[in-house]
C-alpha atoms as a PDB file:
ATOM      1  CA  MET A   1      -3.310 -16.532 -30.846  1.00  0.00           C
ATOM      2  CA  ARG A   2      -5.297 -14.865 -28.139  1.00  0.00           C
ATOM      3  CA  ARG A   3      -7.458 -17.843 -27.602  1.00  0.00           C
ATOM      4  CA  MET A   4      -4.321 -19.862 -26.866  1.00  0.00           C
ATOM      5  CA  ILE A   5      -2.991 -17.322 -24.478  1.00  0.00           C
ATOM      6  CA  LEU A   6      -6.103 -16.932 -22.356  1.00  0.00           C
ATOM      7  CA  PRO A   7      -6.235 -20.464 -20.925  1.00  0.00           C
ATOM      8  CA  LEU A   8      -2.615 -20.244 -19.826  1.00  0.00           C
ATOM      9  CA  VAL A   9      -3.250 -17.002 -18.055  1.00  0.00           C
ATOM     10  CA  LEU A  10      -6.264 -18.460 -16.354  1.00  0.00           C
ATOM     11  CA  LEU A  11      -4.112 -21.284 -15.230  1.00  0.00           C
ATOM     12  CA  ALA A  12      -1.881 -18.729 -13.621  1.00  0.00           C
ATOM     13  CA  SER A  13      -4.871 -16.912 -12.083  1.00  0.00           C
ATOM     14  CA  VAL A  14      -6.890 -19.915 -10.860  1.00  0.00           C
ATOM     15  CA  ALA A  15      -3.782 -21.995 -10.380  1.00  0.00           C
ATOM     16  CA  ILE A  16      -5.363 -25.328 -11.261  1.00  0.00           C
ATOM     17  CA  SER A  17      -2.250 -27.485 -10.571  1.00  0.00           C
ATOM     18  CA  GLY A  18       1.464 -27.168  -9.803  1.00  0.00           C
ATOM     19  CA  SER A  19       2.517 -28.992 -13.045  1.00  0.00           C
ATOM     20  CA  ALA A  20       0.400 -26.686 -15.161  1.00  0.00           C
ATOM     21  CA  LEU A  21       2.086 -23.706 -13.658  1.00  0.00           C
ATOM     22  CA  SER A  22       5.686 -24.891 -14.214  1.00  0.00           C
ATOM     23  CA  GLY A  23       6.113 -22.668 -17.291  1.00  0.00           C
ATOM     24  CA  LEU A  24       4.418 -19.594 -15.882  1.00  0.00           C
ATOM     25  CA  LEU A  25       6.754 -18.520 -13.112  1.00  0.00           C
ATOM     26  CA  ASP A  26       9.029 -16.274 -15.130  1.00  0.00           C
ATOM     27  CA  PRO A  27       7.983 -12.594 -14.522  1.00  0.00           C
ATOM     28  CA  GLU A  28       8.613 -11.667 -18.142  1.00  0.00           C
ATOM     29  CA  ASP A  29       6.373 -14.511 -19.250  1.00  0.00           C
ATOM     30  CA  LYS A  30       3.605 -13.175 -17.008  1.00  0.00           C
ATOM     31  CA  TRP A  31       3.959  -9.644 -18.364  1.00  0.00           C
ATOM     32  CA  ASP A  32       3.902 -10.945 -21.917  1.00  0.00           C
ATOM     33  CA  ARG A  33       0.859 -13.167 -21.578  1.00  0.00           C
ATOM     34  CA  LEU A  34      -1.268 -10.717 -19.537  1.00  0.00           C
ATOM     35  CA  GLY A  35      -0.208  -7.823 -21.729  1.00  0.00           C
ATOM     36  CA  LYS A  36      -1.521  -9.514 -24.963  1.00  0.00           C
ATOM     37  CA  LEU A  37      -4.974 -10.228 -23.723  1.00  0.00           C
ATOM     38  CA  SER A  38      -7.996  -8.367 -25.023  1.00  0.00           C
ATOM     39  CA  ALA A  39     -10.095  -6.405 -22.632  1.00  0.00           C
ATOM     40  CA  LYS A  40     -12.745  -9.139 -22.489  1.00  0.00           C
ATOM     41  CA  GLU A  41     -10.145 -11.885 -21.955  1.00  0.00           C
ATOM     42  CA  TYR A  42      -8.377  -9.929 -19.278  1.00  0.00           C
ATOM     43  CA  LYS A  43     -11.608  -9.313 -17.432  1.00  0.00           C
ATOM     44  CA  GLU A  44     -12.235 -13.113 -17.467  1.00  0.00           C
ATOM     45  CA  ALA A  45      -8.668 -13.707 -16.152  1.00  0.00           C
ATOM     46  CA  LEU A  46      -9.225 -11.160 -13.403  1.00  0.00           C
ATOM     47  CA  THR A  47     -12.467 -12.907 -12.343  1.00  0.00           C
ATOM     48  CA  ALA A  48     -10.782 -16.251 -12.377  1.00  0.00           C
ATOM     49  CA  PHE A  49      -7.915 -14.828 -10.216  1.00  0.00           C
ATOM     50  CA  LYS A  50     -10.397 -13.644  -7.526  1.00  0.00           C
ATOM     51  CA  GLU A  51     -12.299 -16.950  -7.584  1.00  0.00           C
ATOM     52  CA  GLY A  52      -9.042 -18.958  -7.475  1.00  0.00           C
ATOM     53  CA  LEU A  53      -7.825 -17.212  -4.305  1.00  0.00           C
ATOM     54  CA  GLN A  54     -10.884 -18.447  -2.463  1.00  0.00           C
ATOM     55  CA  LYS A  55     -10.367 -22.147  -3.042  1.00  0.00           C
ATOM     56  CA  GLU A  56      -6.854 -23.080  -4.100  1.00  0.00           C
ATOM     57  CA  ASN A  57      -3.941 -24.387  -2.013  1.00  0.00           C
ATOM     58  CA  ALA A  58      -1.174 -22.150  -0.674  1.00  0.00           C
ATOM     59  CA  LYS A  59       1.389 -22.908  -3.409  1.00  0.00           C
ATOM     60  CA  ASP A  60      -1.094 -22.038  -6.179  1.00  0.00           C
ATOM     61  CA  LYS A  61      -2.362 -18.979  -4.342  1.00  0.00           C
ATOM     62  CA  THR A  62       1.139 -17.714  -4.164  1.00  0.00           C
ATOM     63  CA  THR A  63       1.659 -18.204  -7.863  1.00  0.00           C
ATOM     64  CA  ALA A  64      -1.564 -16.356  -8.680  1.00  0.00           C
ATOM     65  CA  ILE A  65      -0.614 -13.471  -6.346  1.00  0.00           C
ATOM     66  CA  LYS A  66       2.770 -13.105  -7.977  1.00  0.00           C
ATOM     67  CA  THR A  67       1.256 -13.242 -11.442  1.00  0.00           C
ATOM     68  CA  PHE A  68      -0.975 -10.219 -10.974  1.00  0.00           C
ATOM     69  CA  GLY A  69       1.504  -8.494  -8.690  1.00  0.00           C
ATOM     70  CA  ALA A  70       4.011  -8.640 -11.577  1.00  0.00           C
ATOM     71  CA  VAL A  71       1.864  -6.500 -13.774  1.00  0.00           C
ATOM     72  CA  GLU A  72       1.103  -4.039 -10.956  1.00  0.00           C
ATOM     73  CA  ASP A  73      -2.609  -4.485 -11.367  1.00  0.00           C
ATOM     74  CA  SER A  74      -4.419  -2.166  -8.841  1.00  0.00           C
ATOM     75  CA  ARG A  75      -7.742  -3.972  -9.431  1.00  0.00           C
ATOM     76  CA  VAL A  76      -6.574  -6.901  -7.256  1.00  0.00           C
ATOM     77  CA  ILE A  77      -5.404  -4.879  -4.306  1.00  0.00           C
ATOM     78  CA  ASP A  78      -8.484  -5.572  -2.141  1.00  0.00           C
ATOM     79  CA  GLU A  79      -8.438  -9.288  -2.862  1.00  0.00           C
ATOM     80  CA  ILE A  80      -4.746  -9.504  -2.085  1.00  0.00           C
ATOM     81  CA  GLY A  81      -5.214  -7.550   1.112  1.00  0.00           C
ATOM     82  CA  LYS A  82      -7.583 -10.136   2.425  1.00  0.00           C
ATOM     83  CA  LEU A  83      -4.820 -12.734   2.171  1.00  0.00           C
ATOM     84  CA  PHE A  84      -2.964 -11.153   5.147  1.00  0.00           C
ATOM     85  CA  LYS A  85      -5.337 -13.294   7.192  1.00  0.00           C
ATOM     86  CA  ASP A  86      -4.317 -16.514   5.397  1.00  0.00           C
ATOM     87  CA  ARG A  87      -2.819 -19.141   7.745  1.00  0.00           C
ATOM     88  CA  ASP A  88       0.106 -19.749   5.499  1.00  0.00           C
ATOM     89  CA  ALA A  89       3.119 -17.462   6.031  1.00  0.00           C
ATOM     90  CA  ASN A  90       4.220 -17.837   2.419  1.00  0.00           C
ATOM     91  CA  VAL A  91       0.936 -16.606   1.123  1.00  0.00           C
ATOM     92  CA  ARG A  92       1.099 -13.583   3.531  1.00  0.00           C
ATOM     93  CA  LEU A  93       4.654 -12.885   2.278  1.00  0.00           C
ATOM     94  CA  ALA A  94       3.587 -13.055  -1.367  1.00  0.00           C
ATOM     95  CA  ALA A  95       0.681 -10.679  -0.527  1.00  0.00           C
ATOM     96  CA  ALA A  96       3.135  -8.178   0.948  1.00  0.00           C
ATOM     97  CA  GLU A  97       5.486  -8.354  -1.985  1.00  0.00           C
ATOM     98  CA  ALA A  98       2.616  -7.955  -4.500  1.00  0.00           C
ATOM     99  CA  LEU A  99       1.153  -4.882  -2.732  1.00  0.00           C
ATOM    100  CA  VAL A 100       4.595  -3.266  -2.470  1.00  0.00           C
ATOM    101  CA  SER A 101       5.011  -3.708  -6.331  1.00  0.00           C
ATOM    102  CA  ILE A 102       1.552  -2.164  -6.920  1.00  0.00           C
ATOM    103  CA  ARG A 103       2.211   1.544  -6.518  1.00  0.00           C
ATOM    104  CA  ASP A 104      -1.125   2.664  -5.247  1.00  0.00           C
ATOM    105  CA  LEU A 105      -2.375   4.616  -2.253  1.00  0.00           C
ATOM    106  CA  ARG A 106      -4.717   1.816  -1.251  1.00  0.00           C
ATOM    107  CA  SER A 107      -1.929  -0.712  -1.200  1.00  0.00           C
ATOM    108  CA  ALA A 108       0.299   1.570   0.860  1.00  0.00           C
ATOM    109  CA  THR A 109      -2.599   1.962   3.348  1.00  0.00           C
ATOM    110  CA  LEU A 110      -3.162  -1.746   3.556  1.00  0.00           C
ATOM    111  CA  LEU A 111       0.524  -2.420   4.098  1.00  0.00           C
ATOM    112  CA  THR A 112       0.724   0.178   6.852  1.00  0.00           C
ATOM    113  CA  ARG A 113      -2.125  -1.536   8.744  1.00  0.00           C
ATOM    114  CA  GLN A 114      -0.182  -4.827   8.756  1.00  0.00           C
ATOM    115  CA  ILE A 115       2.969  -3.410  10.425  1.00  0.00           C
ATOM    116  CA  ARG A 116       1.993  -3.949  14.142  1.00  0.00           C
ATOM    117  CA  LYS A 117      -0.008  -7.058  13.358  1.00  0.00           C
ATOM    118  CA  PHE A 118       2.949  -8.720  11.682  1.00  0.00           C
ATOM    119  CA  GLU A 119       5.291  -7.640  14.486  1.00  0.00           C
ATOM    120  CA  LYS A 120       3.459  -9.914  16.852  1.00  0.00           C
ATOM    121  CA  SER A 121       4.022 -12.941  14.669  1.00  0.00           C
ATOM    122  CA  LYS A 122       7.517 -14.254  14.317  1.00  0.00           C
ATOM    123  CA  PRO A 123       6.885 -16.197  11.095  1.00  0.00           C
ATOM    124  CA  ASP A 124       6.086 -12.910   9.437  1.00  0.00           C
ATOM    125  CA  ALA A 125       9.399 -11.198  10.056  1.00  0.00           C
ATOM    126  CA  LYS A 126      10.387 -11.437   6.444  1.00  0.00           C
ATOM    127  CA  ALA A 127       7.046 -10.082   5.224  1.00  0.00           C
ATOM    128  CA  LEU A 128       7.275  -7.278   7.751  1.00  0.00           C
ATOM    129  CA  ALA A 129      10.707  -6.387   6.433  1.00  0.00           C
ATOM    130  CA  VAL A 130       9.339  -6.398   2.893  1.00  0.00           C
ATOM    131  CA  ILE A 131       6.543  -4.008   3.990  1.00  0.00           C
ATOM    132  CA  LEU A 132       8.839  -1.635   5.776  1.00  0.00           C
ATOM    133  CA  ILE A 133      11.296  -1.410   2.936  1.00  0.00           C
ATOM    134  CA  GLY A 134       8.480  -1.086   0.413  1.00  0.00           C
ATOM    135  CA  LEU A 135       6.757   1.734   2.208  1.00  0.00           C
ATOM    136  CA  GLY A 136      10.020   3.569   2.369  1.00  0.00           C
ATOM    137  CA  ARG A 137      10.545   3.174  -1.407  1.00  0.00           C
ATOM    138  CA  LEU A 138       6.995   4.348  -1.867  1.00  0.00           C
ATOM    139  CA  ASN A 139       7.914   7.386   0.241  1.00  0.00           C
ATOM    140  CA  TYR A 140       4.688   6.759   2.176  1.00  0.00           C
ATOM    141  CA  LYS A 141       5.143   9.286   5.028  1.00  0.00           C
ATOM    142  CA  PRO A 142       1.906   8.517   6.902  1.00  0.00           C
ATOM    143  CA  ALA A 143       3.487   5.173   7.855  1.00  0.00           C
ATOM    144  CA  CYS A 144       6.488   6.697   9.572  1.00  0.00           C
ATOM    145  CA  GLY A 145       4.998   6.572  13.025  1.00  0.00           C
ATOM    146  CA  LYS A 146       4.457   2.855  12.864  1.00  0.00           C
ATOM    147  CA  ILE A 147       7.735   2.231  11.208  1.00  0.00           C
ATOM    148  CA  VAL A 148       9.733   4.005  13.921  1.00  0.00           C
ATOM    149  CA  ASP A 149       7.953   1.699  16.429  1.00  0.00           C
ATOM    150  CA  MET A 150       9.682  -1.225  14.769  1.00  0.00           C
ATOM    151  CA  LEU A 151      13.010   0.070  16.172  1.00  0.00           C
ATOM    152  CA  ASP A 152      11.915  -1.788  19.276  1.00  0.00           C
ATOM    153  CA  SER A 153      12.127  -5.096  17.411  1.00  0.00           C
ATOM    154  CA  ASP A 154      14.703  -7.612  18.515  1.00  0.00           C
ATOM    155  CA  ASP A 155      14.851  -9.062  15.025  1.00  0.00           C
ATOM    156  CA  PRO A 156      17.838  -7.555  13.146  1.00  0.00           C
ATOM    157  CA  MET A 157      16.128  -8.009   9.795  1.00  0.00           C
ATOM    158  CA  VAL A 158      13.095  -6.050  10.895  1.00  0.00           C
ATOM    159  CA  LYS A 159      15.202  -3.318  12.567  1.00  0.00           C
ATOM    160  CA  GLU A 160      17.457  -2.958   9.534  1.00  0.00           C
ATOM    161  CA  ALA A 161      14.322  -2.712   7.327  1.00  0.00           C
ATOM    162  CA  ALA A 162      12.907  -0.024   9.581  1.00  0.00           C
ATOM    163  CA  CYS A 163      16.099   2.002   9.435  1.00  0.00           C
ATOM    164  CA  SER A 164      16.254   1.630   5.666  1.00  0.00           C
ATOM    165  CA  SER A 165      12.602   2.790   5.333  1.00  0.00           C
ATOM    166  CA  LEU A 166      13.211   5.806   7.557  1.00  0.00           C
ATOM    167  CA  SER A 167      16.262   6.684   5.509  1.00  0.00           C
ATOM    168  CA  ASP A 168      14.111   6.753   2.410  1.00  0.00           C
ATOM    169  CA  THR A 169      11.305   8.800   3.947  1.00  0.00           C
ATOM    170  CA  VAL A 170      13.687  11.163   5.830  1.00  0.00           C
ATOM    171  CA  PRO A 171      11.463  11.968   8.776  1.00  0.00           C
ATOM    172  CA  LEU A 172      13.736  14.261  10.759  1.00  0.00           C
ATOM    173  CA  GLN A 173      11.530  14.420  13.786  1.00  0.00           C
ATOM    174  CA  TYR A 174      12.395  10.842  14.596  1.00  0.00           C
ATOM    175  CA  VAL A 175      16.178  11.421  14.766  1.00  0.00           C
ATOM    176  CA  PRO A 176      16.014  11.425  18.618  1.00  0.00           C
ATOM    177  CA  GLU A 177      14.257   8.085  18.579  1.00  0.00           C
ATOM    178  CA  ILE A 178      16.947   6.606  16.375  1.00  0.00           C
ATOM    179  CA  MET A 179      19.628   7.920  18.647  1.00  0.00           C
ATOM    180  CA  LYS A 180      17.873   6.514  21.717  1.00  0.00           C
ATOM    181  CA  HIS A 181      17.685   3.034  20.187  1.00  0.00           C
ATOM    182  CA  TYR A 182      21.209   3.298  19.037  1.00  0.00           C
ATOM    183  CA  GLU A 183      22.481   3.959  22.552  1.00  0.00           C
ATOM    184  CA  LYS A 184      20.244   1.181  23.969  1.00  0.00           C
ATOM    185  CA  ASP A 185      21.624  -1.360  21.525  1.00  0.00           C
ATOM    186  CA  LYS A 186      25.186  -0.259  22.363  1.00  0.00           C
ATOM    187  CA  GLU A 187      24.482  -1.014  25.968  1.00  0.00           C
ATOM    188  CA  GLU A 188      23.016  -4.397  25.096  1.00  0.00           C
ATOM    189  CA  LEU A 189      26.076  -5.139  22.993  1.00  0.00           C
ATOM    190  CA  GLU A 190      28.292  -4.530  25.947  1.00  0.00           C
ATOM    191  CA  LYS A 191      26.260  -6.961  28.030  1.00  0.00           C
ATOM    192  CA  ALA A 192      26.383  -9.552  25.267  1.00  0.00           C
ATOM    193  CA  GLU A 193      30.174  -9.198  25.039  1.00  0.00           C
ATOM    194  CA  LYS A 194      30.512  -9.843  28.753  1.00  0.00           C
ATOM    195  CA  ARG A 195      28.361 -12.966  28.384  1.00  0.00           C
ATOM    196  CA  LYS A 196      30.319 -14.021  25.311  1.00  0.00           C
ATOM    197  CA  ASP A 197      27.027 -14.425  23.466  1.00  0.00           C
ATOM    198  CA  ASP A 198      28.333 -14.377  19.867  1.00  0.00           C
ATOM    199  CA  SER A 199      24.964 -14.810  18.284  1.00  0.00           C
ATOM    200  CA  LYS A 200      23.465 -11.826  20.176  1.00  0.00           C
ATOM    201  CA  LYS A 201      26.507  -9.737  19.507  1.00  0.00           C
ATOM    202  CA  THR A 202      26.191 -10.313  15.758  1.00  0.00           C
ATOM    203  CA  ASP A 203      22.528  -9.328  15.765  1.00  0.00           C
ATOM    204  CA  LEU A 204      23.151  -6.232  17.846  1.00  0.00           C
ATOM    205  CA  GLN A 205      26.015  -5.086  15.620  1.00  0.00           C
ATOM    206  CA  LYS A 206      23.775  -5.286  12.606  1.00  0.00           C
ATOM    207  CA  MET A 207      21.185  -3.137  14.353  1.00  0.00           C
ATOM    208  CA  ILE A 208      23.752  -0.643  15.573  1.00  0.00           C
ATOM    209  CA  ASN A 209      25.278  -0.232  12.090  1.00  0.00           C
ATOM    210  CA  ALA A 210      21.774   0.212  10.516  1.00  0.00           C
ATOM    211  CA  GLU A 211      20.888   2.895  13.090  1.00  0.00           C
ATOM    212  CA  PHE A 212      24.079   4.743  12.464  1.00  0.00           C
ATOM    213  CA  ARG A 213      23.633   4.629   8.679  1.00  0.00           C
ATOM    214  CA  ALA A 214      20.076   6.006   9.157  1.00  0.00           C
ATOM    215  CA  LEU A 215      21.361   8.915  11.229  1.00  0.00           C
ATOM    216  CA  ARG A 216      23.773   9.745   8.501  1.00  0.00           C
ATOM    217  CA  THR A 217      21.259   9.571   5.694  1.00  0.00           C
ATOM    218  CA  ILE A 218      18.447  11.373   7.434  1.00  0.00           C
ATOM    219  CA  THR A 219      20.500  14.260   8.710  1.00  0.00           C
ATOM    220  CA  GLY A 220      22.770  14.492   5.660  1.00  0.00           C
ATOM    221  CA  GLU A 221      25.789  14.627   7.969  1.00  0.00           C
ATOM    222  CA  SER A 222      28.633  12.052   8.049  1.00  0.00           C
ATOM    223  CA  PHE A 223      29.868  12.293  11.545  1.00  0.00           C
ATOM    224  CA  SER A 224      32.025   9.453  12.725  1.00  0.00           C
ATOM    225  CA  GLU A 225      30.914   9.638  16.341  1.00  0.00           C
ATOM    226  CA  PRO A 226      27.304   9.097  17.309  1.00  0.00           C
ATOM    227  CA  GLU A 227      27.682  11.644  20.175  1.00  0.00           C
ATOM    228  CA  ASP A 228      28.253  14.287  17.453  1.00  0.00           C
ATOM    229  CA  TYR A 229      24.728  13.630  16.181  1.00  0.00           C
ATOM    230  CA  LYS A 230      23.282  14.531  19.600  1.00  0.00           C
ATOM    231  CA  LYS A 231      25.293  17.821  19.685  1.00  0.00           C
ATOM    232  CA  TRP A 232      24.246  18.616  16.032  1.00  0.00           C
ATOM    233  CA  TRP A 233      20.538  17.819  16.681  1.00  0.00           C
ATOM    234  CA  ARG A 234      20.452  20.021  19.720  1.00  0.00           C
ATOM    235  CA  MET A 235      21.802  22.900  17.642  1.00  0.00           C
ATOM    236  CA  ASN A 236      19.865  22.398  14.471  1.00  0.00           C
ATOM    237  CA  ARG A 237      16.576  20.620  15.131  1.00  0.00           C
ATOM    238  CA  GLY A 238      14.619  23.878  14.810  1.00  0.00           C
ATOM    239  CA  LEU A 239      15.992  24.524  11.320  1.00  0.00           C
ATOM    240  CA  TYR A 240      14.367  21.636   9.496  1.00  0.00           C
ATOM    241  CA  ASN A 241      10.881  20.796   8.330  1.00  0.00           C
ATOM    242  CA  PRO A 242       9.586  17.583  10.098  1.00  0.00           C
ATOM    243  CA  TYR A 243       9.709  15.395   6.958  1.00  0.00           C
ATOM    244  CA  GLY A 244      13.014  16.606   5.631  1.00  0.00           C
ATOM    245  CA  GLY A 245      14.336  19.702   3.986  1.00  0.00           C
ATOM    246  CA  MET A 246      15.898  22.781   5.362  1.00  0.00           C
ATOM    247  CA  LYS A 247      13.695  25.817   6.176  1.00  0.00           C
ATOM    248  CA  GLU A 248      14.060  28.571   3.663  1.00  0.00           C
ATOM    249  CA  GLY A 249      16.986  30.935   4.164  1.00  0.00           C
ATOM    250  CA  VAL A 250      18.717  29.033   6.967  1.00  0.00           C
ATOM    251  CA  THR A 251      22.004  27.068   7.148  1.00  0.00           C
ATOM    252  CA  PRO A 252      22.833  24.247   9.541  1.00  0.00           C
ATOM    253  CA  LYS A 253      25.085  25.257  12.460  1.00  0.00           C
ATOM    254  CA  PRO A 254      28.358  23.270  12.382  1.00  0.00           C
ATOM    255  CA  ILE A 255      29.791  21.640  15.451  1.00  0.00           C
ATOM    256  CA  LYS A 256      33.393  20.985  16.379  1.00  0.00           C
ATOM    257  CA  THR A 257      34.180  17.324  15.730  1.00  0.00           C
ATOM    258  CA  LYS A 258      37.036  14.952  16.341  1.00  0.00           C
ATOM    259  CA  LYS A 259      39.190  13.910  13.411  1.00  0.00           C
ATOM    260  CA  ALA A 260      37.161  11.632  11.181  1.00  0.00           C
ATOM    261  CA  ALA A 261      37.461   7.943  12.085  1.00  0.00           C
ATOM    262  CA  ASP A 262      37.091   4.991   9.771  1.00  0.00           C
ATOM    263  CA  GLU A 263      33.686   4.415   8.323  1.00  0.00           C
ATOM    264  CA  TRP A 264      31.465   1.878   9.890  1.00  0.00           C
END
């Protein structure tokens, strides 16, 4: 049985042809096939994977990446990381998704390095969003400085991903940055409304909502007015540890707020 499984996995790794891969795209199938290989066979599949990435077309590279990303194999991290330089955006996206699925310090480090590089390339907006959300779910706090820089992005998908990531990592020291971008986007929304720029209005509203949700999640407060967060922060910023958590023995100071309005 194993001799029958090995060639199929090698096809997934080396990705010889699209037709040969048609039955290997189901994640459960990948898990099943790779999981049943002996140590020797798996080593051969791993070697074929690395060789295949060097010479196959973009579609087959993507399949090979997804195959080994599906089993969270940390031994392919370095090879996948090299593909961030691939000229095909789909390959770069697949590389980002695979490294996010491989929960390893090296993968988190590689992903963090790509943040500012991907920001400069519009075709990589989706890959950048995947990276930002992934780093948040990995709770990789060393990336927070670069993630907060993405609040400058004019792409709503990227900004929403940055806010989501910050909500997961809860870096309280960046609350002022989030408030600053919130206020800036509110001003831009007013300008877009005057111009009757519906497309820009829609994008800005998504950004504003994402920033407001991040403020609520990071601070743990559910104020209805953004101005209340500024008051609360001035009163309580010294009571929290930078990456979340109340300092021992202290309680946040409440502020007087208006009657709660509807949720955003």
